[in-house]
């Protein structure tokens, strides 16, 4: 039986060279280039591979953000995803993981009502907020099984999936009933690049738009109003102090001096 898959993606800065306004304590977004969150590429790729494994399956890329964030599901479409959707509107601005996950879950419920969803895939985190919490929170809002840190989807059918979950001391095999939410890690696959044909399809694709009203959500439940946390101030990481160079005429001299330094600092 074909699968209906939703993969959640985010439009994030495409560079790590960002600066912070010292006055406001906020990241300067003017002039920043944006793209598909790098960690979401693995979730997108896994959705496409599941489509290839289970003929007739369908995948939708879902995002939340301003109108410009529509570029994220379009990028996913260019890589083999079938359709895109965006949760958008000024009421969603300033949301945290809690408010964002509530809105995404509401959108997934809407898609599920139109056609039952079997799997929702996430990247392990985003390269901006870096919380890694949204996948698990969405599973909780939906009251579906949720598995984090998945490095392999071993088997899947319309009723269950067997996955490998990465643990600190190895790998755990988990079997979950569907529908379920799964957060992937980088080890799960190697993402493909968009094809020229895929880019042309993505450019013409219609991306569905959902407002808070469309999802049955109140403005006070989402965005900054619905957030449970807030970022008061941001700052760049402190610069690293200069390293120490150990001098010596020979390698043996340098080694002896290094050992003396480590002993003096009580590191050995």
Protein backbone atom coordinates (compact mmCIF):
# COMPACT_ATOMS: atom_id res chain seq x y z
CA UNK A 1 0.00 0.00 0.00
CA UNK A 2 1.41 3.43 -0.94
CA UNK A 3 2.56 5.75 1.84
CA UNK A 4 1.52 9.36 2.40
CA UNK A 5 4.53 11.22 3.81
CA UNK A 6 4.96 14.72 5.19
CA UNK A 7 8.47 16.11 5.59
CA UNK A 8 8.87 19.28 7.65
CA UNK A 9 11.47 21.74 6.38
CA UNK A 10 12.68 25.21 7.30
CA UNK A 11 14.07 28.22 5.40
CA UNK A 12 17.24 29.19 7.28
CA UNK A 13 20.38 31.29 6.73
CA UNK A 14 22.62 29.69 4.13
CA UNK A 15 25.76 30.95 5.84
CA UNK A 16 27.38 30.86 9.27
CA UNK A 17 28.79 34.35 8.77
CA UNK A 18 26.12 36.28 10.65
CA UNK A 19 26.58 39.34 12.83
CA UNK A 20 24.67 40.55 15.88
CA UNK A 21 23.51 44.12 16.43
CA UNK A 22 25.22 45.20 19.65
CA UNK A 23 22.40 47.60 20.43
CA UNK A 24 19.40 45.32 19.99
CA UNK A 25 21.11 41.99 20.67
CA UNK A 26 19.47 40.51 17.56
CA UNK A 27 20.94 38.90 14.46
CA UNK A 28 21.27 41.25 11.50
CA UNK A 29 19.12 39.62 8.83
CA UNK A 30 19.43 42.30 6.14
CA UNK A 31 21.31 40.93 3.16
CA UNK A 32 21.47 37.35 4.48
CA UNK A 33 21.00 34.59 1.93
CA UNK A 34 18.62 31.79 2.87
CA UNK A 35 18.11 28.20 1.78
CA UNK A 36 16.84 24.80 2.85
CA UNK A 37 18.03 23.95 6.37
CA UNK A 38 21.01 21.57 5.77
CA UNK A 39 19.75 18.97 8.28
CA UNK A 40 16.36 18.87 6.56
CA UNK A 41 18.06 17.71 3.36
CA UNK A 42 18.42 14.26 4.94
CA UNK A 43 14.72 14.08 5.82
CA UNK A 44 13.81 15.16 2.28
CA UNK A 45 16.13 12.55 0.78
CA UNK A 46 14.68 9.82 3.01
CA UNK A 47 11.15 10.76 1.95
CA UNK A 48 12.18 10.49 -1.72
CA UNK A 49 13.85 7.12 -1.06
CA UNK A 50 10.71 5.84 0.65
CA UNK A 51 8.74 6.89 -2.43
CA UNK A 52 11.14 4.84 -4.54
CA UNK A 53 10.85 1.84 -2.22
CA UNK A 54 7.05 1.94 -2.03
CA UNK A 55 5.63 2.71 -5.49
CA UNK A 56 2.69 5.07 -5.59
CA UNK A 57 3.69 6.90 -2.40
CA UNK A 58 3.24 10.66 -2.12
CA UNK A 59 5.30 13.21 -0.17
CA UNK A 60 4.51 16.79 0.87
CA UNK A 61 7.07 19.31 2.15
CA UNK A 62 5.64 21.49 4.93
CA UNK A 63 7.15 24.66 6.36
CA UNK A 64 6.24 27.61 8.58
CA UNK A 65 7.41 31.16 8.04
CA UNK A 66 6.96 34.34 5.99
CA UNK A 67 6.06 34.17 2.31
CA UNK A 68 9.76 33.96 1.37
CA UNK A 69 9.99 30.66 3.28
CA UNK A 70 8.00 29.09 0.44
CA UNK A 71 11.43 28.58 -1.15
CA UNK A 72 12.09 25.69 1.26
CA UNK A 73 9.29 23.38 0.07
CA UNK A 74 10.07 24.36 -3.51
CA UNK A 75 13.66 23.24 -2.96
CA UNK A 76 12.32 19.95 -1.58
CA UNK A 77 10.12 19.55 -4.67
CA UNK A 78 13.17 20.06 -6.89
CA UNK A 79 14.73 17.05 -5.13
CA UNK A 80 11.77 14.74 -5.73
CA UNK A 81 9.04 15.72 -3.27
CA UNK A 82 5.57 15.89 -4.85
CA UNK A 83 3.91 18.92 -3.25
CA UNK A 84 4.51 21.80 -0.86
CA UNK A 85 2.61 23.68 1.84
CA UNK A 86 3.40 26.68 4.03
CA UNK A 87 1.92 27.88 7.30
CA UNK A 88 2.22 31.65 7.07
CA UNK A 89 0.94 34.94 8.42
CA UNK A 90 2.11 37.70 10.75
CA UNK A 91 0.51 35.92 13.71
CA UNK A 92 3.22 33.21 13.47
CA UNK A 93 6.14 35.64 13.87
CA UNK A 94 8.35 35.20 16.92
CA UNK A 95 7.27 31.69 17.81
CA UNK A 96 9.45 29.25 19.74
CA UNK A 97 9.62 25.44 19.41
CA UNK A 98 6.39 25.08 21.39
CA UNK A 99 4.32 27.48 19.27
CA UNK A 100 5.91 26.32 16.01
CA UNK A 101 5.25 22.65 16.74
CA UNK A 102 1.61 23.41 17.59
CA UNK A 103 1.11 25.13 14.24
CA UNK A 104 2.90 22.39 12.27
CA UNK A 105 0.84 19.72 14.05
CA UNK A 106 -2.36 21.57 13.15
CA UNK A 107 -1.28 21.68 9.49
CA UNK A 108 -0.44 17.96 9.54
CA UNK A 109 -3.87 17.24 11.03
CA UNK A 110 -5.43 19.14 8.14
CA UNK A 111 -3.39 17.19 5.58
CA UNK A 112 -4.24 13.96 7.45
CA UNK A 113 -7.96 14.77 7.20
CA UNK A 114 -7.62 15.20 3.44
CA UNK A 115 -5.65 11.95 3.04
CA UNK A 116 -4.33 9.83 5.94
CA UNK A 117 -0.66 10.53 6.67
CA UNK A 118 1.58 7.57 7.53
CA UNK A 119 4.90 9.24 8.31
CA UNK A 120 6.13 12.71 9.24
CA UNK A 121 9.88 13.21 8.82
CA UNK A 122 12.13 15.89 10.36
CA UNK A 123 15.79 16.81 10.28
CA UNK A 124 17.55 16.45 13.63
CA UNK A 125 17.59 20.22 14.21
CA UNK A 126 17.92 23.55 12.40
CA UNK A 127 21.09 25.54 11.86
CA UNK A 128 19.55 28.68 13.41
CA UNK A 129 17.51 27.81 16.52
CA UNK A 130 19.28 24.45 16.97
CA UNK A 131 16.76 23.20 19.58
CA UNK A 132 16.17 19.77 18.05
CA UNK A 133 12.80 19.72 19.84
CA UNK A 134 10.20 20.33 17.14
CA UNK A 135 9.97 16.74 15.86
CA UNK A 136 9.27 15.33 19.30
CA UNK A 137 6.84 18.11 20.16
CA UNK A 138 4.87 17.60 16.95
CA UNK A 139 4.58 13.88 17.76
CA UNK A 140 3.22 14.83 21.20
CA UNK A 141 0.67 17.29 19.78
CA UNK A 142 -0.52 14.64 17.32
CA UNK A 143 -0.46 11.91 19.98
CA UNK A 144 1.49 9.74 17.55
CA UNK A 145 4.60 7.64 18.27
CA UNK A 146 7.78 9.68 17.86
CA UNK A 147 11.35 8.47 17.39
CA UNK A 148 14.40 10.74 17.46
CA UNK A 149 17.95 10.24 16.11
CA UNK A 150 16.94 7.72 13.45
CA UNK A 151 19.83 6.56 11.27
CA UNK A 152 17.95 3.96 9.20
CA UNK A 153 14.39 3.09 8.27
CA UNK A 154 14.83 -0.64 7.91
CA UNK A 155 11.31 -1.63 6.95
CA UNK A 156 8.00 0.14 6.50
CA UNK A 157 4.45 -0.68 5.43
CA UNK A 158 1.08 1.00 5.87
CA UNK A 159 0.81 -0.04 9.54
CA UNK A 160 4.31 -0.01 11.05
CA UNK A 161 7.96 0.92 10.62
CA UNK A 162 11.16 -0.62 11.97
CA UNK A 163 13.90 1.95 12.51
CA UNK A 164 17.43 2.14 13.89
CA UNK A 165 17.80 4.77 16.59
CA UNK A 166 21.31 5.99 17.40
CA UNK A 167 22.15 5.75 21.11
CA UNK A 168 25.23 6.85 23.08
CA UNK A 169 26.38 3.23 23.38
CA UNK A 170 25.21 1.82 20.05
CA UNK A 171 22.04 1.39 18.02
CA UNK A 172 18.54 0.43 19.15
CA UNK A 173 16.00 -1.17 16.81
CA UNK A 174 12.53 0.26 17.36
CA UNK A 175 9.24 -0.83 15.78
CA UNK A 176 6.50 1.81 15.79
CA UNK A 177 2.90 1.77 14.71
CA UNK A 178 1.93 4.24 12.02
CA UNK A 179 1.15 7.09 11.80
CA UNK A 180 4.38 8.23 13.45
CA UNK A 181 6.86 11.11 13.50
CA UNK A 182 10.54 10.39 12.90
CA UNK A 183 13.51 12.73 13.30
CA UNK A 184 16.48 11.74 11.14
CA UNK A 185 20.23 12.23 11.57
CA UNK A 186 22.95 12.72 8.96
CA UNK A 187 23.98 9.06 8.93
CA UNK A 188 20.67 8.01 7.39
CA UNK A 189 21.60 8.80 3.77
CA UNK A 190 23.49 11.02 1.34
CA UNK A 191 21.18 13.74 -0.05
CA UNK A 192 20.94 14.08 -3.81
CA UNK A 193 21.23 17.38 -5.64
CA UNK A 194 18.26 18.92 -7.44
CA UNK A 195 17.95 17.99 -11.11
CA UNK A 196 17.28 20.52 -13.86
CA UNK A 197 13.90 18.89 -14.44
CA UNK A 198 13.20 19.04 -10.72
CA UNK A 199 14.00 22.75 -10.61
CA UNK A 200 11.59 23.41 -13.46
CA UNK A 201 8.84 21.42 -11.73
CA UNK A 202 9.47 23.24 -8.44
CA UNK A 203 9.29 26.63 -10.10
CA UNK A 204 5.81 25.93 -11.46
CA UNK A 205 4.48 23.97 -8.48
CA UNK A 206 1.54 25.34 -6.50
CA UNK A 207 2.34 25.61 -2.78
CA UNK A 208 -0.71 25.48 -0.48
CA UNK A 209 -0.94 28.26 2.12
CA UNK A 210 -2.47 27.89 5.56
CA UNK A 211 -3.32 30.74 7.93
CA UNK A 212 -4.08 30.36 11.63
CA UNK A 213 -7.79 30.55 10.83
CA UNK A 214 -7.43 27.81 8.20
CA UNK A 215 -5.95 25.55 10.89
CA UNK A 216 -8.47 26.40 13.59
CA UNK A 217 -5.85 28.21 15.67
CA UNK A 218 -6.29 31.44 17.60
CA UNK A 219 -3.71 34.23 17.15
CA UNK A 220 -2.87 34.07 20.86
CA UNK A 221 -1.90 30.39 20.50
CA UNK A 222 0.85 30.88 17.95
CA UNK A 223 3.88 33.06 17.26
CA UNK A 224 5.27 35.24 20.02
CA UNK A 225 1.90 35.28 21.80
CA UNK A 226 1.83 31.50 22.11
CA UNK A 227 5.52 31.02 22.84
CA UNK A 228 6.60 29.63 26.21
CA UNK A 229 10.16 30.93 25.89
CA UNK A 230 11.81 34.04 24.49
CA UNK A 231 15.34 35.03 23.53
CA UNK A 232 16.19 38.22 25.40
CA UNK A 233 19.54 38.81 23.73
CA UNK A 234 21.97 37.16 21.34
CA UNK A 235 25.72 37.55 21.06
CA UNK A 236 28.48 36.05 18.92
CA UNK A 237 30.64 33.38 20.57
CA UNK A 238 33.74 34.77 22.33
CA UNK A 239 36.92 34.65 20.30
CA UNK A 240 39.38 31.93 21.21
CA UNK A 241 42.51 33.00 23.11
CA UNK A 242 45.84 32.60 21.34
CA UNK A 243 47.41 29.17 21.70
CA UNK A 244 50.74 28.40 23.34
CA UNK A 245 53.74 27.43 21.26
CA UNK A 246 56.20 25.06 22.94
CA UNK A 247 59.76 25.85 21.84
CA UNK A 248 62.73 23.49 21.89
CA UNK A 249 65.81 22.50 19.96
CA UNK A 250 64.64 18.93 19.45
CA UNK A 251 61.39 16.99 19.56
CA UNK A 252 62.51 15.49 22.88
CA UNK A 253 63.04 18.98 24.36
CA UNK A 254 59.59 20.07 23.22
CA UNK A 255 58.00 16.93 24.63
CA UNK A 256 59.70 17.43 28.01
CA UNK A 257 58.59 21.08 28.19
CA UNK A 258 55.03 20.10 27.25
CA UNK A 259 54.92 17.47 30.00
CA UNK A 260 56.28 20.00 32.52
CA UNK A 261 53.55 22.48 31.54
CA UNK A 262 50.81 19.85 31.89
CA UNK A 263 52.12 18.81 35.31
CA UNK A 264 52.37 22.45 36.44
CA UNK A 265 48.74 22.99 35.43
CA UNK A 266 47.73 19.73 37.12
CA UNK A 267 46.37 18.31 33.90
CA UNK A 268 48.35 15.09 34.35
